[in-house]
C-alpha cells in the first residue's frame, strides 16, 4: 500500500553514481546513518501513483534527484527555493524522517517511493543512461548559472572539468554565454572544446590570471579539491561585483578568505544547493532541445562493479560520469 496519497512508487531502471555517494560510503563526509543504500540520480518507471498525484502518470519514465522532500509550506518552498527549506530538508538517502526515524534509502536498489513534487517526468529525447546523472550533477550546475545571470553577453568561467563541471560548460554554452573552462593543466583542453567551451585556462601556467583580470561576470567553482588553490588569483579575474559560486564539496578545509581579498573588485561569493522543481524541468527541456548529452560510462550494477567504480572515482578515473544499469537482470 502507498503510505501517502501523493507518493509515487518507481521501479528503477538506472542510477547515476555521484561523488556524494563516494564521500558518504567512504566516510569522507563524516558519520552516516548506516546501513545505507546510496544513489540519488534515479531513472525508472512510475508503477503506482497515489490517488491525489497530479504531476506524474502511471507508466511514465521519471527521475528522482538528491532531495525527496521539503515542508512545501514555508516562504522558501512557496518561492521555488525548496532546496533551502529550513523546516524539513530530506535527502533521497541518509536522512531521518522526523515522525518515524526511518532513514531514507537511495537508488542502488530495485524500487523507490517518493513524494510527487520530487518526481520528474523525463523528455523522450533524453536517453536513460545520459539523463540519470543530470538529476543531481546537472541541476547542481544549472541552477547557479540561471540564478546568476548566465546568458548572452556574459563571460562565465567553470572551475573543475569533472562530473559537475562538464555539465556546467555545456549548460553555460547552451544558455548563450561566452564560456571558459578552468583547470589545473591542459590535459582536458580538448574535452573542454568538444563540450563547447570558447576558451581554456590552465592554472599551472605562470600568469594564467593576468589576461582575464576583472572580466568574468560569473565563475562557478565545481572543483572537488582545494589543494594548491590560489583563491586570490581566481578572484582577481572577477568583474566588479562579479559572482563566485561554489558547488563542489571537497572533504578538506577550503582556503581562508579575508575581506581585503574582496575589495579590489567587490566580488560577491556564495554557494548553491541543487535546484527547484521548476529549474529541474527547465534544465531537462533545455537538454532535450539542445541535444545535450552526458559524457557517461555505463556500468552493470553488481558488487564487484561497484567496488571497481568506487576505486576509480577516488582516483578521478572517470570521463565524466558513471550510470548503473542492468537492474532488471539483478533485481528482476
Protein backbone atom coordinates (compact mmCIF):
# COMPACT_ATOMS: atom_id res chain seq x y z
CA UNK A 1 0.00 0.00 0.00
CA UNK A 2 1.12 3.56 -0.66
CA UNK A 3 1.69 5.34 2.63
CA UNK A 4 0.64 8.68 1.21
CA UNK A 5 -1.94 9.83 -1.30
CA UNK A 6 0.70 11.94 -3.06
CA UNK A 7 3.53 9.40 -3.29
CA UNK A 8 4.83 7.63 -6.37
CA UNK A 9 6.31 4.12 -6.46
CA UNK A 10 9.13 3.79 -9.00
CA UNK A 11 10.73 0.65 -10.41
CA UNK A 12 14.34 1.66 -11.02
CA UNK A 13 15.97 1.20 -14.42
CA UNK A 14 19.22 3.10 -13.89
CA UNK A 15 21.04 5.29 -11.38
CA UNK A 16 23.95 7.66 -11.78
CA UNK A 17 26.96 7.35 -9.49
CA UNK A 18 27.53 10.69 -7.78
CA UNK A 19 30.61 11.90 -5.93
CA UNK A 20 28.29 12.31 -2.95
CA UNK A 21 27.84 8.53 -2.91
CA UNK A 22 31.58 8.02 -2.64
CA UNK A 23 32.09 10.68 0.04
CA UNK A 24 29.25 9.07 2.01
CA UNK A 25 30.23 5.40 1.88
CA UNK A 26 33.94 6.05 2.47
CA UNK A 27 33.28 8.28 5.48
CA UNK A 28 34.77 11.39 3.89
CA UNK A 29 31.77 13.45 4.93
CA UNK A 30 31.69 12.09 8.46
CA UNK A 31 29.27 9.83 10.33
CA UNK A 32 26.28 8.48 8.41
CA UNK A 33 23.06 6.64 9.18
CA UNK A 34 24.35 3.20 8.21
CA UNK A 35 23.26 0.68 6.98
CA UNK A 36 22.56 2.78 3.93
CA UNK A 37 21.70 2.33 0.28
CA UNK A 38 23.07 5.30 -1.65
CA UNK A 39 22.17 6.61 -5.10
CA UNK A 40 20.25 9.78 -5.95
CA UNK A 41 20.30 10.07 -9.73
CA UNK A 42 17.42 7.68 -10.29
CA UNK A 43 15.57 6.86 -13.50
CA UNK A 44 12.70 4.41 -13.57
CA UNK A 45 9.05 3.75 -14.32
CA UNK A 46 6.20 5.06 -12.18
CA UNK A 47 4.44 1.78 -11.42
CA UNK A 48 1.92 3.14 -8.86
CA UNK A 49 0.72 6.64 -8.03
CA UNK A 50 -1.31 7.89 -5.11
CA UNK A 51 -4.93 8.96 -5.70
CA UNK A 52 -4.08 12.66 -5.31
CA UNK A 53 -0.97 12.65 -7.53
CA UNK A 54 -1.33 15.14 -10.40
CA UNK A 55 2.26 15.65 -11.58
CA UNK A 56 3.06 12.09 -12.67
CA UNK A 57 1.13 9.40 -14.52
CA UNK A 58 1.41 5.66 -14.00
CA UNK A 59 3.70 4.13 -16.63
CA UNK A 60 5.74 7.31 -17.21
CA UNK A 61 9.52 7.26 -17.26
CA UNK A 62 10.55 9.53 -14.40
CA UNK A 63 13.56 10.72 -12.46
CA UNK A 64 14.40 11.43 -8.82
CA UNK A 65 17.32 13.55 -7.71
CA UNK A 66 19.19 14.21 -4.49
CA UNK A 67 16.30 15.68 -2.50
CA UNK A 68 12.99 13.94 -1.91
CA UNK A 69 11.03 16.13 0.50
CA UNK A 70 10.57 19.60 1.98
CA UNK A 71 7.75 21.11 4.01
CA UNK A 72 6.04 22.69 0.99
CA UNK A 73 4.52 25.45 3.08
CA UNK A 74 7.27 27.84 4.18
CA UNK A 75 8.41 31.01 2.41
CA UNK A 76 11.26 29.24 0.66
CA UNK A 77 9.11 26.37 -0.61
CA UNK A 78 6.48 28.81 -1.86
CA UNK A 79 9.11 30.76 -3.82
CA UNK A 80 10.83 27.95 -5.77
CA UNK A 81 13.53 27.65 -3.13
CA UNK A 82 12.51 24.28 -1.73
CA UNK A 83 16.12 23.08 -1.71
CA UNK A 84 16.70 25.68 1.01
CA UNK A 85 13.69 24.74 3.16
CA UNK A 86 14.54 25.49 6.82
CA UNK A 87 11.72 23.33 8.19
CA UNK A 88 12.50 19.91 6.75
CA UNK A 89 15.01 19.01 4.05
CA UNK A 90 15.07 15.29 3.28
CA UNK A 91 17.90 13.88 1.19
CA UNK A 92 16.94 10.97 -1.05
CA UNK A 93 19.19 8.79 1.07
CA UNK A 94 20.63 9.09 4.56
CA UNK A 95 18.06 11.43 6.15
CA UNK A 96 15.81 10.51 9.06
CA UNK A 97 12.10 11.18 8.76
CA UNK A 98 11.25 13.28 11.84
CA UNK A 99 8.00 11.49 12.62
CA UNK A 100 9.27 7.89 12.36
CA UNK A 101 13.07 7.99 12.50
CA UNK A 102 13.14 5.85 9.35
CA UNK A 103 16.23 6.54 7.24
CA UNK A 104 15.66 7.37 3.59
CA UNK A 105 17.26 4.95 1.13
CA UNK A 106 18.51 5.54 -2.40
CA UNK A 107 18.73 4.18 -5.88
CA UNK A 108 21.20 1.30 -5.80
CA UNK A 109 18.03 -0.73 -5.24
CA UNK A 110 15.05 -2.17 -7.06
CA UNK A 111 12.40 0.44 -6.15
CA UNK A 112 11.99 3.82 -4.51
CA UNK A 113 8.95 5.69 -3.18
CA UNK A 114 8.95 9.48 -3.45
CA UNK A 115 6.62 12.44 -2.94
CA UNK A 116 5.32 13.58 -6.34
CA UNK A 117 6.93 17.04 -6.12
CA UNK A 118 10.34 15.37 -6.30
CA UNK A 119 9.48 13.03 -9.18
CA UNK A 120 10.20 14.46 -12.63
CA UNK A 121 8.75 13.29 -15.96
CA UNK A 122 11.61 12.92 -18.44
CA UNK A 123 11.56 14.16 -22.05
CA UNK A 124 11.57 11.31 -24.55
CA UNK A 125 14.58 12.80 -26.33
CA UNK A 126 16.88 12.16 -23.34
CA UNK A 127 18.37 8.67 -23.12
CA UNK A 128 18.11 6.93 -19.75
CA UNK A 129 21.85 6.49 -19.20
CA UNK A 130 22.51 10.09 -20.19
CA UNK A 131 19.74 11.78 -18.21
CA UNK A 132 20.35 9.94 -14.91
CA UNK A 133 23.42 11.98 -13.80
CA UNK A 134 21.67 15.22 -14.74
CA UNK A 135 19.28 14.67 -11.83
CA UNK A 136 21.98 15.70 -9.36
CA UNK A 137 25.16 16.82 -11.13
CA UNK A 138 23.27 18.50 -13.94
CA UNK A 139 20.90 20.52 -11.76
CA UNK A 140 23.76 21.40 -9.41
CA UNK A 141 25.46 23.08 -12.38
CA UNK A 142 22.33 24.53 -13.99
CA UNK A 143 20.74 26.31 -11.02
CA UNK A 144 23.65 28.65 -10.17
CA UNK A 145 24.05 29.52 -13.83
CA UNK A 146 20.45 30.66 -14.35
CA UNK A 147 20.16 32.27 -10.92
CA UNK A 148 23.26 34.37 -11.51
CA UNK A 149 22.57 35.73 -14.95
CA UNK A 150 24.32 33.31 -17.29
CA UNK A 151 23.32 34.21 -20.83
CA UNK A 152 24.23 36.22 -23.95
CA UNK A 153 26.75 38.96 -23.32
CA UNK A 154 28.12 37.32 -20.16
CA UNK A 155 31.58 35.81 -19.64
CA UNK A 156 31.30 32.69 -17.49
CA UNK A 157 34.08 30.53 -16.07
CA UNK A 158 33.77 26.93 -14.92
CA UNK A 159 36.42 25.71 -12.46
CA UNK A 160 36.94 21.95 -12.45
CA UNK A 161 36.12 19.90 -15.52
CA UNK A 162 34.65 16.84 -13.83
CA UNK A 163 31.26 15.32 -13.15
CA UNK A 164 29.56 18.63 -12.38
CA UNK A 165 31.88 20.87 -14.36
CA UNK A 166 31.33 19.17 -17.70
CA UNK A 167 27.60 19.89 -17.32
CA UNK A 168 28.32 23.47 -16.33
CA UNK A 169 30.30 24.03 -19.53
CA UNK A 170 27.54 22.54 -21.70
CA UNK A 171 24.72 24.42 -19.99
CA UNK A 172 26.57 27.76 -19.88
CA UNK A 173 27.19 27.49 -23.61
CA UNK A 174 23.59 26.40 -24.27
CA UNK A 175 22.37 29.45 -22.33
CA UNK A 176 24.36 31.70 -24.66
CA UNK A 177 27.31 32.79 -22.50
CA UNK A 178 30.96 33.10 -23.51
CA UNK A 179 32.18 30.02 -21.67
CA UNK A 180 35.66 29.31 -20.32
CA UNK A 181 36.84 26.08 -18.72
CA UNK A 182 39.42 26.48 -15.94
CA UNK A 183 41.57 23.51 -14.93
CA UNK A 184 45.00 22.82 -13.45
CA UNK A 185 46.69 21.60 -16.62
CA UNK A 186 45.91 21.38 -20.32
CA UNK A 187 45.09 17.67 -20.08
CA UNK A 188 41.36 18.32 -20.51
CA UNK A 189 41.55 21.15 -23.04
CA UNK A 190 40.43 19.02 -25.98
CA UNK A 191 37.48 17.72 -23.95
CA UNK A 192 36.51 21.27 -22.96
CA UNK A 193 36.42 22.37 -26.59
CA UNK A 194 34.27 19.35 -27.53
CA UNK A 195 31.89 20.27 -24.71
CA UNK A 196 31.54 23.74 -26.22
CA UNK A 197 33.98 25.92 -24.25
CA UNK A 198 35.08 29.09 -26.03
CA UNK A 199 38.34 29.27 -24.09
CA UNK A 200 40.53 27.39 -21.65
CA UNK A 201 42.72 28.46 -18.72
CA UNK A 202 45.38 26.20 -17.19
CA UNK A 203 46.19 27.39 -13.67
CA UNK A 204 49.55 25.57 -13.56
CA UNK A 205 50.91 28.08 -16.07
CA UNK A 206 52.67 31.25 -14.96
CA UNK A 207 50.48 34.36 -15.08
CA UNK A 208 47.36 32.42 -16.02
CA UNK A 209 45.05 35.00 -14.46
CA UNK A 210 46.62 38.19 -15.85
CA UNK A 211 44.88 38.30 -19.23
CA UNK A 212 41.48 37.90 -17.61
CA UNK A 213 41.69 40.47 -14.84
CA UNK A 214 38.29 41.97 -13.97
CA UNK A 215 36.50 40.26 -16.86
CA UNK A 216 34.34 37.37 -15.61
CA UNK A 217 30.72 38.09 -14.73
CA UNK A 218 30.31 34.68 -13.09
CA UNK A 219 32.57 31.80 -12.10
CA UNK A 220 31.04 28.53 -10.90
CA UNK A 221 33.51 26.52 -8.85
CA UNK A 222 32.89 22.80 -9.39
CA UNK A 223 36.27 21.62 -8.08
CA UNK A 224 36.30 18.67 -5.70
CA UNK A 225 39.59 19.64 -4.09
CA UNK A 226 41.13 22.85 -2.74
CA UNK A 227 44.71 21.62 -2.62
CA UNK A 228 47.03 24.24 -4.10
CA UNK A 229 44.06 26.54 -4.70
CA UNK A 230 45.20 30.17 -5.05
CA UNK A 231 41.83 31.80 -4.44
CA UNK A 232 43.15 35.36 -4.75
CA UNK A 233 44.20 34.78 -8.35
CA UNK A 234 40.80 33.36 -9.22
CA UNK A 235 39.00 36.29 -7.61
CA UNK A 236 41.19 38.80 -9.44
CA UNK A 237 39.51 37.66 -12.67
CA UNK A 238 36.06 38.72 -11.48
CA UNK A 239 34.42 41.85 -12.86
CA UNK A 240 33.20 44.44 -10.34
CA UNK A 241 30.54 42.71 -8.26
CA UNK A 242 31.04 39.57 -10.29
CA UNK A 243 29.83 36.40 -8.60
CA UNK A 244 31.87 33.42 -7.46
CA UNK A 245 29.57 30.48 -6.70
CA UNK A 246 30.82 27.19 -5.27
CA UNK A 247 29.02 23.90 -5.82
CA UNK A 248 31.84 21.39 -5.24
CA UNK A 249 32.08 19.97 -1.72
CA UNK A 250 35.68 18.89 -1.00
CA UNK A 251 36.42 16.78 2.05
CA UNK A 252 39.29 19.05 3.15
CA UNK A 253 39.09 22.59 4.51
CA UNK A 254 38.85 25.35 1.94
CA UNK A 255 41.18 28.34 1.53
CA UNK A 256 40.88 31.15 4.08
CA UNK A 257 39.16 34.34 2.98
CA UNK A 258 39.94 37.84 4.18
CA UNK A 259 37.75 40.88 3.41
CA UNK A 260 40.85 42.51 1.94
CA UNK A 261 40.84 39.88 -0.82
CA UNK A 262 37.39 41.01 -1.95
CA UNK A 263 37.89 44.78 -2.03
CA UNK A 264 39.68 45.24 -5.35
CA UNK A 265 36.60 44.34 -7.39
CA UNK A 266 33.87 43.98 -4.77
CA UNK A 267 33.45 40.32 -5.66
CA UNK A 268 30.40 38.51 -4.27
CA UNK A 269 30.94 34.97 -3.01
CA UNK A 270 28.35 32.31 -2.39
CA UNK A 271 27.25 28.73 -2.93
CA UNK A 272 24.35 26.85 -4.47
CA UNK A 273 22.41 23.74 -3.47
CA UNK A 274 20.71 21.60 -6.14
CA UNK A 275 17.76 23.39 -7.78
CA UNK A 276 13.99 23.75 -7.63
CA UNK A 277 11.44 21.58 -9.40
CA UNK A 278 10.86 24.42 -11.87
CA UNK A 279 14.58 24.62 -12.63
CA UNK A 280 14.85 20.84 -12.96
CA UNK A 281 12.09 20.72 -15.56
CA UNK A 282 13.61 23.68 -17.42
CA UNK A 283 17.05 22.03 -17.43
CA UNK A 284 15.69 18.74 -18.75
CA UNK A 285 13.83 20.53 -21.54
CA UNK A 286 16.91 22.59 -22.43
CA UNK A 287 18.98 19.41 -22.66
CA UNK A 288 16.33 17.84 -24.90
CA UNK A 289 16.00 20.93 -27.11
CA UNK A 290 19.77 21.47 -27.49
CA UNK A 291 20.72 17.80 -27.79
CA UNK A 292 22.89 17.94 -24.67
CA UNK A 293 24.26 14.52 -23.75
CA UNK A 294 26.18 13.48 -20.65
CA UNK A 295 29.66 12.07 -21.07
CA UNK A 296 28.84 8.84 -19.34
CA UNK A 297 30.18 5.31 -18.95
CA UNK A 298 27.54 2.63 -18.47
CA UNK A 299 28.28 0.05 -15.74
CA UNK A 300 26.21 -3.03 -14.89
CA UNK A 301 25.07 -2.87 -11.26
CA UNK A 302 26.73 -5.51 -9.10
CA UNK A 303 29.01 -5.95 -6.08
CA UNK A 304 32.30 -6.22 -7.95
CA UNK A 305 31.38 -3.48 -10.40
CA UNK A 306 30.55 -1.12 -7.54
CA UNK A 307 33.87 -1.87 -5.82
CA UNK A 308 35.66 -1.05 -9.06
CA UNK A 309 33.94 2.26 -9.74
CA UNK A 310 34.35 3.44 -6.14
CA UNK A 311 38.09 2.95 -6.55
CA UNK A 312 38.10 4.61 -9.94
CA UNK A 313 36.18 7.63 -8.70
CA UNK A 314 38.53 8.05 -5.76
CA UNK A 315 41.33 8.27 -8.35
CA UNK A 316 39.36 10.53 -10.66
CA UNK A 317 39.33 7.84 -13.35
CA UNK A 318 36.03 8.76 -15.00
CA UNK A 319 35.06 10.92 -18.03
CA UNK A 320 32.83 12.22 -16.63
CA UNK A 321 30.02 10.20 -15.02
CA UNK A 322 29.03 6.58 -14.39
CA UNK A 323 25.48 5.27 -14.78
CA UNK A 324 24.46 1.95 -13.25
CA UNK A 325 22.23 -0.18 -15.48
CA UNK A 326 21.18 -3.84 -15.68
CA UNK A 327 18.66 -3.53 -12.85
CA UNK A 328 16.24 -5.99 -14.42
CA UNK A 329 18.95 -8.65 -14.55
CA UNK A 330 19.89 -8.21 -10.88
CA UNK A 331 16.52 -7.45 -9.28
CA UNK A 332 14.02 -8.97 -11.69
